[in-house]
Amino acid sequence: MTDSRDFLATTRTFYDTIADDYAEHFRGMHTAKPLERALLASYAELVGAGGPVADLGCGPGPITAHLASLGLDVFGLDLSESMVAIARRENPGLRFEQGSMLDLPVADGALAGVVAWYSTIHTPVDELPALFAEFHRVLSPGGHLLLAFQAGEQPLRLDRPWGHPVALDFHRRRPEHLAELLTAAGFALGSRTVREPDTDLGESVPQAFLFARKPA
């Protein structure tokens, strides 16, 4: 089995190194697409106001901020200290913490919602059952999960982005495989959405979105 410490350290170093360039390059892009905005609005309506929501792997915080604008009590968590620093600077009214999705600093059943927006894509496949079990643990009965990821089977190796001396694998997933893993972790699937790649944005593979719920 993959040693979690190895891939977590590699991922943390990668994003600590590129954080400023990443934040500037993707500024405004995450919520610029009509389908994505509609899915996030639907998710906010499902969760409803009041219960806490965690945006896991939040990066510089655009999805956290967008969910907050939709009325959710949301906080962000990211593995990268540099990403968390940018998120705090750019969203001073919101809470951001550094930590790992595989070991969340959250009590059992404490969350009404979990969002992992393109943030499970660096987790090796043999770690996914443990990751989804952790999501299930922190959600309250009836709580909602939203996953966004690139659909496919072949990983993308990103080497020396913006000239920085780092590299990282971006894992693409088959939606039906993740649906099976979520079901095995105790979730009930609500919906799956797959859209074609937007070549104007440089996408080369379909984008997938899964809604799931921890049964009451």
N, C-alpha and C. Protein backbone atom coordinates (compact mmCIF):
# COMPACT_ATOMS: atom_id res chain seq x y z
N MET A 1 0.84 -1.19 0.00
CA MET A 1 0.00 0.00 0.00
C MET A 1 0.88 1.25 0.00
N THR A 2 0.42 2.30 -0.68
CA THR A 2 1.16 3.56 -0.72
C THR A 2 1.33 4.13 0.67
N ASP A 3 2.50 4.62 0.97
CA ASP A 3 2.74 5.29 2.24
C ASP A 3 2.16 6.69 2.13
N SER A 4 1.11 6.97 2.94
CA SER A 4 0.44 8.27 2.88
C SER A 4 1.41 9.41 3.07
N ARG A 5 2.40 9.24 3.92
CA ARG A 5 3.32 10.33 4.20
C ARG A 5 4.10 10.74 2.96
N ASP A 6 4.38 9.79 2.08
CA ASP A 6 5.12 10.11 0.87
C ASP A 6 4.31 11.02 -0.05
N PHE A 7 3.11 10.64 -0.38
CA PHE A 7 2.35 11.44 -1.34
C PHE A 7 1.88 12.75 -0.72
N LEU A 8 1.62 12.76 0.58
CA LEU A 8 1.22 14.00 1.23
C LEU A 8 2.37 15.00 1.23
N ALA A 9 3.56 14.53 1.52
CA ALA A 9 4.72 15.44 1.52
C ALA A 9 4.99 15.98 0.13
N THR A 10 4.88 15.13 -0.89
CA THR A 10 5.10 15.58 -2.27
C THR A 10 4.06 16.61 -2.67
N THR A 11 2.80 16.34 -2.33
CA THR A 11 1.72 17.26 -2.68
C THR A 11 1.88 18.59 -1.96
N ARG A 12 2.23 18.53 -0.68
CA ARG A 12 2.40 19.77 0.09
C ARG A 12 3.53 20.63 -0.50
N THR A 13 4.65 20.00 -0.81
CA THR A 13 5.78 20.73 -1.37
C THR A 13 5.42 21.35 -2.72
N PHE A 14 4.71 20.60 -3.55
CA PHE A 14 4.31 21.09 -4.87
C PHE A 14 3.49 22.36 -4.73
N TYR A 15 2.46 22.34 -3.90
CA TYR A 15 1.57 23.49 -3.80
C TYR A 15 2.17 24.63 -2.99
N ASP A 16 3.00 24.32 -2.01
CA ASP A 16 3.72 25.41 -1.33
C ASP A 16 4.58 26.19 -2.33
N THR A 17 5.17 25.46 -3.28
CA THR A 17 6.09 26.07 -4.25
C THR A 17 5.36 26.94 -5.27
N ILE A 18 4.20 26.47 -5.74
CA ILE A 18 3.53 27.17 -6.85
C ILE A 18 2.36 28.04 -6.39
N ALA A 19 2.15 28.19 -5.09
CA ALA A 19 0.92 28.79 -4.57
C ALA A 19 0.60 30.14 -5.19
N ASP A 20 1.56 31.05 -5.24
CA ASP A 20 1.28 32.39 -5.76
C ASP A 20 0.91 32.36 -7.23
N ASP A 21 1.65 31.60 -8.03
CA ASP A 21 1.34 31.51 -9.45
C ASP A 21 -0.01 30.83 -9.68
N TYR A 22 -0.28 29.79 -8.91
CA TYR A 22 -1.56 29.08 -9.03
C TYR A 22 -2.72 30.02 -8.74
N ALA A 23 -2.64 30.75 -7.63
CA ALA A 23 -3.73 31.64 -7.24
C ALA A 23 -3.99 32.69 -8.31
N GLU A 24 -2.94 33.23 -8.90
CA GLU A 24 -3.11 34.26 -9.92
C GLU A 24 -3.65 33.67 -11.22
N HIS A 25 -3.14 32.51 -11.61
CA HIS A 25 -3.56 31.89 -12.88
C HIS A 25 -5.02 31.50 -12.86
N PHE A 26 -5.49 30.95 -11.74
CA PHE A 26 -6.87 30.45 -11.68
C PHE A 26 -7.84 31.44 -11.06
N ARG A 27 -7.42 32.67 -10.86
CA ARG A 27 -8.29 33.67 -10.24
C ARG A 27 -9.58 33.84 -11.04
N GLY A 28 -10.71 33.61 -10.39
CA GLY A 28 -12.00 33.79 -11.01
C GLY A 28 -12.45 32.64 -11.89
N MET A 29 -11.57 31.68 -12.18
CA MET A 29 -11.90 30.62 -13.12
C MET A 29 -12.81 29.56 -12.52
N HIS A 30 -12.66 29.28 -11.22
CA HIS A 30 -13.37 28.16 -10.61
C HIS A 30 -14.88 28.36 -10.60
N THR A 31 -15.31 29.60 -10.56
CA THR A 31 -16.76 29.86 -10.51
C THR A 31 -17.24 30.61 -11.75
N ALA A 32 -16.45 30.60 -12.82
CA ALA A 32 -16.80 31.32 -14.04
C ALA A 32 -17.69 30.49 -14.97
N LYS A 33 -17.86 29.21 -14.68
CA LYS A 33 -18.57 28.32 -15.59
C LYS A 33 -20.01 28.12 -15.10
N PRO A 34 -21.00 28.32 -15.99
CA PRO A 34 -22.40 28.25 -15.57
C PRO A 34 -22.80 26.92 -14.93
N LEU A 35 -22.34 25.80 -15.49
CA LEU A 35 -22.72 24.51 -14.92
C LEU A 35 -22.17 24.36 -13.51
N GLU A 36 -20.92 24.73 -13.31
CA GLU A 36 -20.32 24.61 -11.99
C GLU A 36 -21.05 25.50 -10.97
N ARG A 37 -21.40 26.73 -11.37
CA ARG A 37 -22.14 27.60 -10.47
C ARG A 37 -23.48 26.99 -10.11
N ALA A 38 -24.14 26.38 -11.09
CA ALA A 38 -25.44 25.76 -10.83
C ALA A 38 -25.30 24.58 -9.87
N LEU A 39 -24.25 23.78 -10.05
CA LEU A 39 -24.03 22.64 -9.16
C LEU A 39 -23.74 23.10 -7.74
N LEU A 40 -22.93 24.13 -7.59
CA LEU A 40 -22.62 24.65 -6.26
C LEU A 40 -23.87 25.25 -5.61
N ALA A 41 -24.71 25.93 -6.41
CA ALA A 41 -25.95 26.47 -5.87
C ALA A 41 -26.90 25.35 -5.43
N SER A 42 -26.96 24.28 -6.20
CA SER A 42 -27.79 23.13 -5.83
C SER A 42 -27.29 22.49 -4.55
N TYR A 43 -25.96 22.40 -4.45
CA TYR A 43 -25.38 21.83 -3.23
C TYR A 43 -25.71 22.69 -2.02
N ALA A 44 -25.59 24.00 -2.15
CA ALA A 44 -25.90 24.90 -1.04
C ALA A 44 -27.35 24.76 -0.62
N GLU A 45 -28.24 24.58 -1.58
CA GLU A 45 -29.66 24.41 -1.25
C GLU A 45 -29.90 23.09 -0.54
N LEU A 46 -29.21 22.04 -0.96
CA LEU A 46 -29.35 20.75 -0.30
C LEU A 46 -28.88 20.80 1.15
N VAL A 47 -27.74 21.43 1.38
CA VAL A 47 -27.19 21.49 2.74
C VAL A 47 -28.00 22.42 3.61
N GLY A 48 -28.35 23.58 3.07
CA GLY A 48 -29.10 24.56 3.82
C GLY A 48 -28.24 25.35 4.79
N ALA A 49 -28.77 26.47 5.25
CA ALA A 49 -28.04 27.33 6.16
C ALA A 49 -27.97 26.70 7.55
N GLY A 50 -26.92 27.04 8.27
CA GLY A 50 -26.82 26.61 9.66
C GLY A 50 -25.70 25.66 9.94
N GLY A 51 -25.75 24.45 9.37
CA GLY A 51 -24.75 23.45 9.67
C GLY A 51 -23.42 23.76 9.04
N PRO A 52 -22.31 23.42 9.71
CA PRO A 52 -20.98 23.72 9.16
C PRO A 52 -20.63 22.84 7.96
N VAL A 53 -19.89 23.44 7.03
CA VAL A 53 -19.46 22.77 5.81
C VAL A 53 -17.95 22.95 5.69
N ALA A 54 -17.25 21.88 5.30
CA ALA A 54 -15.80 21.94 5.09
C ALA A 54 -15.49 21.85 3.61
N ASP A 55 -14.72 22.82 3.13
CA ASP A 55 -14.17 22.80 1.77
C ASP A 55 -12.76 22.25 1.88
N LEU A 56 -12.60 20.98 1.54
CA LEU A 56 -11.36 20.26 1.79
C LEU A 56 -10.45 20.32 0.57
N GLY A 57 -9.20 20.71 0.80
CA GLY A 57 -8.30 20.98 -0.32
C GLY A 57 -8.69 22.29 -0.98
N CYS A 58 -8.90 23.31 -0.15
CA CYS A 58 -9.51 24.57 -0.60
C CYS A 58 -8.58 25.43 -1.43
N GLY A 59 -7.27 25.17 -1.41
CA GLY A 59 -6.34 26.04 -2.15
C GLY A 59 -6.44 27.47 -1.66
N PRO A 60 -6.42 28.44 -2.57
CA PRO A 60 -6.49 29.84 -2.16
C PRO A 60 -7.89 30.30 -1.79
N GLY A 61 -8.86 29.40 -1.77
CA GLY A 61 -10.15 29.69 -1.18
C GLY A 61 -11.29 30.17 -2.06
N PRO A 62 -11.25 30.05 -3.39
CA PRO A 62 -12.35 30.59 -4.20
C PRO A 62 -13.67 29.85 -4.00
N ILE A 63 -13.62 28.53 -3.85
CA ILE A 63 -14.87 27.79 -3.65
C ILE A 63 -15.41 28.04 -2.25
N THR A 64 -14.52 28.13 -1.27
CA THR A 64 -14.95 28.46 0.09
C THR A 64 -15.70 29.79 0.08
N ALA A 65 -15.12 30.79 -0.57
CA ALA A 65 -15.75 32.11 -0.61
C ALA A 65 -17.08 32.06 -1.36
N HIS A 66 -17.13 31.30 -2.45
CA HIS A 66 -18.37 31.21 -3.23
C HIS A 66 -19.47 30.54 -2.41
N LEU A 67 -19.14 29.46 -1.71
CA LEU A 67 -20.14 28.78 -0.88
C LEU A 67 -20.61 29.69 0.25
N ALA A 68 -19.70 30.48 0.81
CA ALA A 68 -20.10 31.43 1.85
C ALA A 68 -21.08 32.46 1.28
N SER A 69 -20.84 32.89 0.03
CA SER A 69 -21.73 33.87 -0.59
C SER A 69 -23.12 33.28 -0.84
N LEU A 70 -23.21 31.94 -0.87
CA LEU A 70 -24.49 31.26 -1.06
C LEU A 70 -25.17 30.98 0.28
N GLY A 71 -24.58 31.45 1.37
CA GLY A 71 -25.23 31.36 2.67
C GLY A 71 -24.78 30.22 3.55
N LEU A 72 -23.74 29.48 3.14
CA LEU A 72 -23.29 28.36 3.94
C LEU A 72 -22.28 28.80 5.01
N ASP A 73 -22.31 28.11 6.13
CA ASP A 73 -21.33 28.30 7.20
C ASP A 73 -20.14 27.41 6.87
N VAL A 74 -19.20 27.93 6.11
CA VAL A 74 -18.16 27.10 5.51
C VAL A 74 -16.77 27.55 5.96
N PHE A 75 -15.89 26.57 6.12
CA PHE A 75 -14.48 26.86 6.35
C PHE A 75 -13.65 26.03 5.38
N GLY A 76 -12.41 26.47 5.15
CA GLY A 76 -11.52 25.78 4.23
C GLY A 76 -10.37 25.11 4.94
N LEU A 77 -9.92 24.01 4.39
CA LEU A 77 -8.76 23.28 4.90
C LEU A 77 -7.89 22.88 3.73
N ASP A 78 -6.59 23.05 3.87
CA ASP A 78 -5.67 22.68 2.80
C ASP A 78 -4.37 22.16 3.39
N LEU A 79 -3.73 21.27 2.66
CA LEU A 79 -2.47 20.68 3.08
C LEU A 79 -1.33 21.68 3.03
N SER A 80 -1.43 22.66 2.13
CA SER A 80 -0.34 23.59 1.85
C SER A 80 -0.43 24.83 2.74
N GLU A 81 0.61 25.08 3.49
CA GLU A 81 0.66 26.28 4.34
C GLU A 81 0.61 27.55 3.49
N SER A 82 1.26 27.53 2.34
CA SER A 82 1.27 28.70 1.48
C SER A 82 -0.11 28.98 0.89
N MET A 83 -0.84 27.94 0.51
CA MET A 83 -2.20 28.12 0.01
C MET A 83 -3.10 28.68 1.11
N VAL A 84 -2.97 28.17 2.32
CA VAL A 84 -3.79 28.67 3.42
C VAL A 84 -3.49 30.14 3.69
N ALA A 85 -2.22 30.52 3.60
CA ALA A 85 -1.85 31.92 3.82
C ALA A 85 -2.52 32.83 2.79
N ILE A 86 -2.54 32.41 1.52
CA ILE A 86 -3.20 33.21 0.48
C ILE A 86 -4.69 33.26 0.73
N ALA A 87 -5.30 32.12 1.07
CA ALA A 87 -6.74 32.08 1.32
C ALA A 87 -7.12 33.03 2.46
N ARG A 88 -6.34 33.04 3.52
CA ARG A 88 -6.63 33.95 4.64
C ARG A 88 -6.48 35.40 4.24
N ARG A 89 -5.45 35.68 3.44
CA ARG A 89 -5.21 37.07 3.02
C ARG A 89 -6.31 37.58 2.10
N GLU A 90 -6.80 36.71 1.21
CA GLU A 90 -7.78 37.15 0.22
C GLU A 90 -9.21 37.03 0.71
N ASN A 91 -9.42 36.30 1.80
CA ASN A 91 -10.77 36.11 2.34
C ASN A 91 -10.74 36.31 3.85
N PRO A 92 -10.49 37.54 4.31
CA PRO A 92 -10.24 37.76 5.73
C PRO A 92 -11.41 37.44 6.65
N GLY A 93 -12.62 37.37 6.13
CA GLY A 93 -13.76 37.06 6.98
C GLY A 93 -14.05 35.59 7.13
N LEU A 94 -13.26 34.73 6.48
CA LEU A 94 -13.52 33.30 6.51
C LEU A 94 -12.41 32.57 7.26
N ARG A 95 -12.72 31.34 7.69
CA ARG A 95 -11.76 30.54 8.46
C ARG A 95 -11.07 29.54 7.53
N PHE A 96 -9.75 29.47 7.64
CA PHE A 96 -8.96 28.51 6.88
C PHE A 96 -7.96 27.85 7.82
N GLU A 97 -7.79 26.54 7.65
CA GLU A 97 -6.88 25.77 8.49
C GLU A 97 -5.98 24.91 7.62
N GLN A 98 -4.81 24.60 8.12
CA GLN A 98 -3.91 23.67 7.45
C GLN A 98 -4.12 22.28 8.01
N GLY A 99 -4.18 21.28 7.14
CA GLY A 99 -4.36 19.92 7.60
C GLY A 99 -4.56 18.96 6.45
N SER A 100 -4.64 17.68 6.79
CA SER A 100 -4.79 16.61 5.81
C SER A 100 -6.23 16.10 5.79
N MET A 101 -6.75 15.85 4.59
CA MET A 101 -8.08 15.28 4.45
C MET A 101 -8.17 13.87 5.01
N LEU A 102 -7.03 13.19 5.09
CA LEU A 102 -7.04 11.82 5.61
C LEU A 102 -7.07 11.77 7.13
N ASP A 103 -6.88 12.89 7.78
CA ASP A 103 -6.89 12.94 9.25
C ASP A 103 -7.47 14.28 9.67
N LEU A 104 -8.77 14.41 9.52
CA LEU A 104 -9.43 15.70 9.71
C LEU A 104 -9.55 16.06 11.19
N PRO A 105 -9.26 17.31 11.53
CA PRO A 105 -9.39 17.76 12.92
C PRO A 105 -10.84 18.12 13.23
N VAL A 106 -11.73 17.16 13.01
CA VAL A 106 -13.17 17.39 13.13
C VAL A 106 -13.78 16.20 13.87
N ALA A 107 -14.69 16.47 14.78
CA ALA A 107 -15.34 15.40 15.55
C ALA A 107 -16.28 14.58 14.67
N ASP A 108 -16.54 13.36 15.09
CA ASP A 108 -17.48 12.49 14.37
C ASP A 108 -18.83 13.19 14.22
N GLY A 109 -19.37 13.16 12.99
CA GLY A 109 -20.71 13.67 12.75
C GLY A 109 -20.88 15.16 12.94
N ALA A 110 -19.80 15.93 12.86
CA ALA A 110 -19.87 17.36 13.18
C ALA A 110 -20.26 18.24 11.99
N LEU A 111 -20.19 17.72 10.77
CA LEU A 111 -20.38 18.55 9.59
C LEU A 111 -21.69 18.24 8.87
N ALA A 112 -22.30 19.30 8.36
CA ALA A 112 -23.49 19.13 7.51
C ALA A 112 -23.10 18.89 6.06
N GLY A 113 -21.88 19.28 5.70
CA GLY A 113 -21.46 19.11 4.32
C GLY A 113 -19.95 19.03 4.18
N VAL A 114 -19.52 18.30 3.15
CA VAL A 114 -18.12 18.21 2.78
C VAL A 114 -18.03 18.44 1.27
N VAL A 115 -17.13 19.32 0.87
CA VAL A 115 -16.85 19.57 -0.54
C VAL A 115 -15.39 19.24 -0.81
N ALA A 116 -15.15 18.45 -1.83
CA ALA A 116 -13.78 18.16 -2.28
C ALA A 116 -13.73 18.51 -3.76
N TRP A 117 -13.41 19.76 -4.05
CA TRP A 117 -13.49 20.32 -5.40
C TRP A 117 -12.13 20.19 -6.07
N TYR A 118 -11.98 19.13 -6.87
CA TYR A 118 -10.71 18.83 -7.53
C TYR A 118 -9.57 18.66 -6.52
N SER A 119 -9.86 18.15 -5.35
CA SER A 119 -8.83 18.01 -4.32
C SER A 119 -8.52 16.56 -3.96
N THR A 120 -9.27 15.60 -4.48
CA THR A 120 -8.93 14.19 -4.26
C THR A 120 -8.05 13.66 -5.39
N ILE A 121 -7.67 14.52 -6.32
CA ILE A 121 -7.01 14.08 -7.54
C ILE A 121 -5.55 13.71 -7.35
N HIS A 122 -5.00 13.98 -6.18
CA HIS A 122 -3.61 13.58 -5.89
C HIS A 122 -3.55 12.39 -4.94
N THR A 123 -4.70 11.89 -4.52
CA THR A 123 -4.75 10.76 -3.60
C THR A 123 -4.62 9.46 -4.38
N PRO A 124 -3.65 8.62 -4.08
CA PRO A 124 -3.51 7.34 -4.78
C PRO A 124 -4.78 6.50 -4.61
N VAL A 125 -5.06 5.67 -5.59
CA VAL A 125 -6.32 4.92 -5.60
C VAL A 125 -6.46 4.03 -4.37
N ASP A 126 -5.35 3.48 -3.86
CA ASP A 126 -5.48 2.58 -2.72
C ASP A 126 -5.72 3.34 -1.41
N GLU A 127 -5.62 4.66 -1.44
CA GLU A 127 -5.94 5.47 -0.27
C GLU A 127 -7.37 6.01 -0.31
N LEU A 128 -8.06 5.86 -1.43
CA LEU A 128 -9.39 6.43 -1.55
C LEU A 128 -10.40 5.83 -0.56
N PRO A 129 -10.41 4.51 -0.30
CA PRO A 129 -11.36 4.01 0.71
C PRO A 129 -11.18 4.67 2.07
N ALA A 130 -9.94 4.87 2.50
CA ALA A 130 -9.70 5.53 3.78
C ALA A 130 -10.14 6.99 3.73
N LEU A 131 -9.92 7.64 2.60
CA LEU A 131 -10.33 9.03 2.45
C LEU A 131 -11.85 9.17 2.53
N PHE A 132 -12.56 8.31 1.81
CA PHE A 132 -14.02 8.41 1.82
C PHE A 132 -14.59 7.99 3.18
N ALA A 133 -13.92 7.07 3.85
CA ALA A 133 -14.35 6.72 5.21
C ALA A 133 -14.20 7.92 6.15
N GLU A 134 -13.16 8.71 5.96
CA GLU A 134 -12.96 9.91 6.77
C GLU A 134 -14.05 10.96 6.47
N PHE A 135 -14.38 11.12 5.20
CA PHE A 135 -15.49 12.02 4.85
C PHE A 135 -16.78 11.55 5.53
N HIS A 136 -17.03 10.25 5.48
CA HIS A 136 -18.25 9.69 6.08
C HIS A 136 -18.25 9.91 7.60
N ARG A 137 -17.10 9.76 8.22
CA ARG A 137 -17.00 9.91 9.68
C ARG A 137 -17.41 11.30 10.14
N VAL A 138 -16.93 12.33 9.45
CA VAL A 138 -17.15 13.69 9.94
C VAL A 138 -18.52 14.24 9.56
N LEU A 139 -19.21 13.61 8.63
CA LEU A 139 -20.54 14.08 8.25
C LEU A 139 -21.59 13.60 9.24
N SER A 140 -22.54 14.46 9.52
CA SER A 140 -23.68 14.07 10.34
C SER A 140 -24.63 13.22 9.49
N PRO A 141 -25.49 12.40 10.10
CA PRO A 141 -26.50 11.69 9.32
C PRO A 141 -27.34 12.67 8.50
N GLY A 142 -27.47 12.38 7.23
CA GLY A 142 -28.16 13.29 6.32
C GLY A 142 -27.25 14.31 5.68
N GLY A 143 -25.95 14.33 6.05
CA GLY A 143 -25.01 15.30 5.51
C GLY A 143 -24.66 15.00 4.06
N HIS A 144 -24.24 16.04 3.34
CA HIS A 144 -24.03 15.94 1.89
C HIS A 144 -22.56 16.10 1.51
N LEU A 145 -22.15 15.33 0.51
CA LEU A 145 -20.80 15.36 -0.04
C LEU A 145 -20.87 15.75 -1.51
N LEU A 146 -19.94 16.62 -1.93
CA LEU A 146 -19.80 16.97 -3.34
C LEU A 146 -18.35 16.77 -3.76
N LEU A 147 -18.15 15.96 -4.79
CA LEU A 147 -16.82 15.72 -5.36
C LEU A 147 -16.77 16.29 -6.77
N ALA A 148 -15.68 16.95 -7.11
CA ALA A 148 -15.40 17.36 -8.48
C ALA A 148 -14.04 16.81 -8.88
N PHE A 149 -13.92 16.31 -10.11
CA PHE A 149 -12.67 15.69 -10.53
C PHE A 149 -12.66 15.56 -12.05
N GLN A 150 -11.46 15.32 -12.60
CA GLN A 150 -11.33 15.06 -14.02
C GLN A 150 -11.65 13.59 -14.29
N ALA A 151 -12.47 13.35 -15.31
CA ALA A 151 -12.86 11.99 -15.65
C ALA A 151 -11.85 11.38 -16.62
N GLY A 152 -11.58 10.10 -16.42
CA GLY A 152 -10.65 9.40 -17.30
C GLY A 152 -9.88 8.35 -16.54
N GLU A 153 -8.86 7.80 -17.17
CA GLU A 153 -8.06 6.74 -16.56
C GLU A 153 -6.57 7.04 -16.55
N GLN A 154 -6.09 7.82 -17.49
CA GLN A 154 -4.67 8.09 -17.57
C GLN A 154 -4.32 9.33 -16.75
N PRO A 155 -3.37 9.23 -15.82
CA PRO A 155 -2.99 10.40 -15.03
C PRO A 155 -2.25 11.43 -15.87
N LEU A 156 -2.28 12.67 -15.40
CA LEU A 156 -1.52 13.75 -16.01
C LEU A 156 -0.33 14.05 -15.11
N ARG A 157 0.86 14.06 -15.67
CA ARG A 157 2.07 14.43 -14.94
C ARG A 157 2.39 15.88 -15.25
N LEU A 158 2.30 16.73 -14.23
CA LEU A 158 2.62 18.14 -14.43
C LEU A 158 4.02 18.40 -13.89
N ASP A 159 4.91 18.77 -14.79
CA ASP A 159 6.33 18.90 -14.46
C ASP A 159 6.78 20.35 -14.65
N ARG A 160 7.39 20.93 -13.64
CA ARG A 160 7.95 22.27 -13.67
C ARG A 160 6.93 23.34 -14.06
N PRO A 161 5.75 23.38 -13.41
CA PRO A 161 4.79 24.43 -13.74
C PRO A 161 5.36 25.81 -13.40
N TRP A 162 5.13 26.76 -14.33
CA TRP A 162 5.64 28.13 -14.20
C TRP A 162 7.14 28.15 -13.91
N GLY A 163 7.85 27.10 -14.35
CA GLY A 163 9.29 27.05 -14.21
C GLY A 163 9.78 26.61 -12.84
N HIS A 164 8.88 26.24 -11.94
CA HIS A 164 9.30 25.81 -10.61
C HIS A 164 9.82 24.36 -10.65
N PRO A 165 10.82 24.02 -9.87
CA PRO A 165 11.43 22.68 -9.92
C PRO A 165 10.66 21.64 -9.12
N VAL A 166 9.38 21.45 -9.46
CA VAL A 166 8.53 20.46 -8.80
C VAL A 166 7.70 19.74 -9.85
N ALA A 167 7.16 18.58 -9.48
CA ALA A 167 6.29 17.81 -10.37
C ALA A 167 5.28 17.05 -9.53
N LEU A 168 4.11 16.74 -10.13
CA LEU A 168 3.06 16.05 -9.40
C LEU A 168 2.14 15.34 -10.38
N ASP A 169 1.60 14.19 -9.95
CA ASP A 169 0.62 13.45 -10.75
C ASP A 169 -0.79 13.91 -10.40
N PHE A 170 -1.60 14.12 -11.44
CA PHE A 170 -3.02 14.46 -11.29
C PHE A 170 -3.81 13.24 -11.76
N HIS A 171 -4.45 12.57 -10.83
CA HIS A 171 -5.15 11.32 -11.15
C HIS A 171 -6.54 11.62 -11.71
N ARG A 172 -6.83 11.04 -12.86
CA ARG A 172 -8.17 11.09 -13.42
C ARG A 172 -8.92 9.83 -13.00
N ARG A 173 -10.23 9.95 -12.80
CA ARG A 173 -11.01 8.84 -12.26
C ARG A 173 -12.23 8.56 -13.14
N ARG A 174 -12.64 7.31 -13.16
CA ARG A 174 -13.90 6.95 -13.78
C ARG A 174 -15.03 7.23 -12.78
N PRO A 175 -16.04 7.99 -13.15
CA PRO A 175 -17.12 8.31 -12.21
C PRO A 175 -17.77 7.07 -11.60
N GLU A 176 -17.92 6.01 -12.40
CA GLU A 176 -18.56 4.81 -11.87
C GLU A 176 -17.69 4.14 -10.81
N HIS A 177 -16.37 4.26 -10.94
CA HIS A 177 -15.49 3.68 -9.93
C HIS A 177 -15.59 4.46 -8.62
N LEU A 178 -15.57 5.79 -8.69
CA LEU A 178 -15.71 6.56 -7.47
C LEU A 178 -17.08 6.35 -6.85
N ALA A 179 -18.11 6.20 -7.67
CA ALA A 179 -19.44 5.92 -7.14
C ALA A 179 -19.45 4.61 -6.36
N GLU A 180 -18.78 3.61 -6.88
CA GLU A 180 -18.69 2.32 -6.17
C GLU A 180 -17.96 2.47 -4.84
N LEU A 181 -16.88 3.23 -4.83
CA LEU A 181 -16.12 3.41 -3.60
C LEU A 181 -16.92 4.20 -2.56
N LEU A 182 -17.67 5.19 -3.01
CA LEU A 182 -18.51 5.95 -2.09
C LEU A 182 -19.60 5.08 -1.50
N THR A 183 -20.20 4.25 -2.32
CA THR A 183 -21.24 3.33 -1.83
C THR A 183 -20.65 2.36 -0.80
N ALA A 184 -19.46 1.86 -1.08
CA ALA A 184 -18.80 0.95 -0.14
C ALA A 184 -18.47 1.63 1.17
N ALA A 185 -18.25 2.96 1.13
CA ALA A 185 -17.95 3.72 2.35
C ALA A 185 -19.19 4.08 3.14
N GLY A 186 -20.37 3.73 2.61
CA GLY A 186 -21.61 3.99 3.33
C GLY A 186 -22.44 5.14 2.80
N PHE A 187 -22.03 5.73 1.69
CA PHE A 187 -22.78 6.85 1.11
C PHE A 187 -23.89 6.34 0.19
N ALA A 188 -24.92 7.18 0.07
CA ALA A 188 -25.96 6.97 -0.93
C ALA A 188 -25.74 7.99 -2.04
N LEU A 189 -25.60 7.53 -3.27
CA LEU A 189 -25.36 8.43 -4.40
C LEU A 189 -26.62 9.21 -4.73
N GLY A 190 -26.44 10.50 -4.94
CA GLY A 190 -27.56 11.35 -5.31
C GLY A 190 -27.60 11.64 -6.79
N SER A 191 -26.46 12.01 -7.36
CA SER A 191 -26.41 12.30 -8.79
C SER A 191 -24.97 12.26 -9.27
N ARG A 192 -24.83 12.08 -10.56
CA ARG A 192 -23.51 12.20 -11.20
C ARG A 192 -23.70 13.03 -12.46
N THR A 193 -22.81 13.97 -12.65
CA THR A 193 -22.85 14.87 -13.81
C THR A 193 -21.48 14.83 -14.47
N VAL A 194 -21.47 14.68 -15.77
CA VAL A 194 -20.22 14.70 -16.54
C VAL A 194 -20.42 15.66 -17.71
N ARG A 195 -19.51 16.61 -17.84
CA ARG A 195 -19.58 17.50 -18.99
C ARG A 195 -18.34 17.32 -19.85
N GLU A 196 -18.48 17.68 -21.10
CA GLU A 196 -17.37 17.56 -22.04
C GLU A 196 -16.30 18.62 -21.74
N PRO A 197 -15.07 18.35 -22.14
CA PRO A 197 -14.01 19.33 -21.87
C PRO A 197 -14.23 20.65 -22.60
N ASP A 198 -13.88 21.73 -21.92
CA ASP A 198 -13.94 23.06 -22.51
C ASP A 198 -12.54 23.37 -23.05
N THR A 199 -12.37 23.21 -24.35
CA THR A 199 -11.05 23.39 -24.93
C THR A 199 -10.58 24.84 -24.85
N ASP A 200 -11.51 25.78 -24.77
CA ASP A 200 -11.13 27.19 -24.62
C ASP A 200 -10.40 27.43 -23.30
N LEU A 201 -10.67 26.57 -22.32
CA LEU A 201 -10.02 26.68 -21.02
C LEU A 201 -8.84 25.72 -20.89
N GLY A 202 -8.50 25.05 -21.99
CA GLY A 202 -7.37 24.15 -21.99
C GLY A 202 -7.68 22.77 -21.45
N GLU A 203 -8.95 22.44 -21.28
CA GLU A 203 -9.31 21.11 -20.77
C GLU A 203 -9.20 20.08 -21.89
N SER A 204 -8.73 18.88 -21.54
CA SER A 204 -8.58 17.82 -22.53
C SER A 204 -9.40 16.59 -22.20
N VAL A 205 -10.01 16.55 -21.01
CA VAL A 205 -10.82 15.40 -20.60
C VAL A 205 -12.12 15.91 -19.99
N PRO A 206 -13.15 15.04 -19.95
CA PRO A 206 -14.41 15.45 -19.31
C PRO A 206 -14.22 15.78 -17.83
N GLN A 207 -15.14 16.58 -17.31
CA GLN A 207 -15.14 16.96 -15.90
C GLN A 207 -16.35 16.32 -15.23
N ALA A 208 -16.15 15.75 -14.04
CA ALA A 208 -17.20 14.97 -13.39
C ALA A 208 -17.51 15.54 -12.00
N PHE A 209 -18.77 15.36 -11.59
CA PHE A 209 -19.26 15.89 -10.32
C PHE A 209 -20.22 14.87 -9.70
N LEU A 210 -19.93 14.46 -8.49
CA LEU A 210 -20.76 13.48 -7.79
C LEU A 210 -21.35 14.11 -6.54
N PHE A 211 -22.67 13.94 -6.37
CA PHE A 211 -23.35 14.28 -5.13
C PHE A 211 -23.63 12.98 -4.38
N ALA A 212 -23.33 12.96 -3.09
CA ALA A 212 -23.62 11.78 -2.27
C ALA A 212 -24.10 12.25 -0.90
N ARG A 213 -24.73 11.34 -0.18
CA ARG A 213 -25.34 11.70 1.11
C ARG A 213 -25.08 10.58 2.11
N LYS A 214 -24.75 10.98 3.33
CA LYS A 214 -24.67 10.00 4.41
C LYS A 214 -26.08 9.73 4.90
N PRO A 215 -26.56 8.50 4.79
CA PRO A 215 -27.95 8.23 5.14
C PRO A 215 -28.28 8.64 6.57
N ALA A 216 -29.49 9.12 6.76
CA ALA A 216 -29.93 9.54 8.09
C ALA A 216 -30.13 8.31 8.97
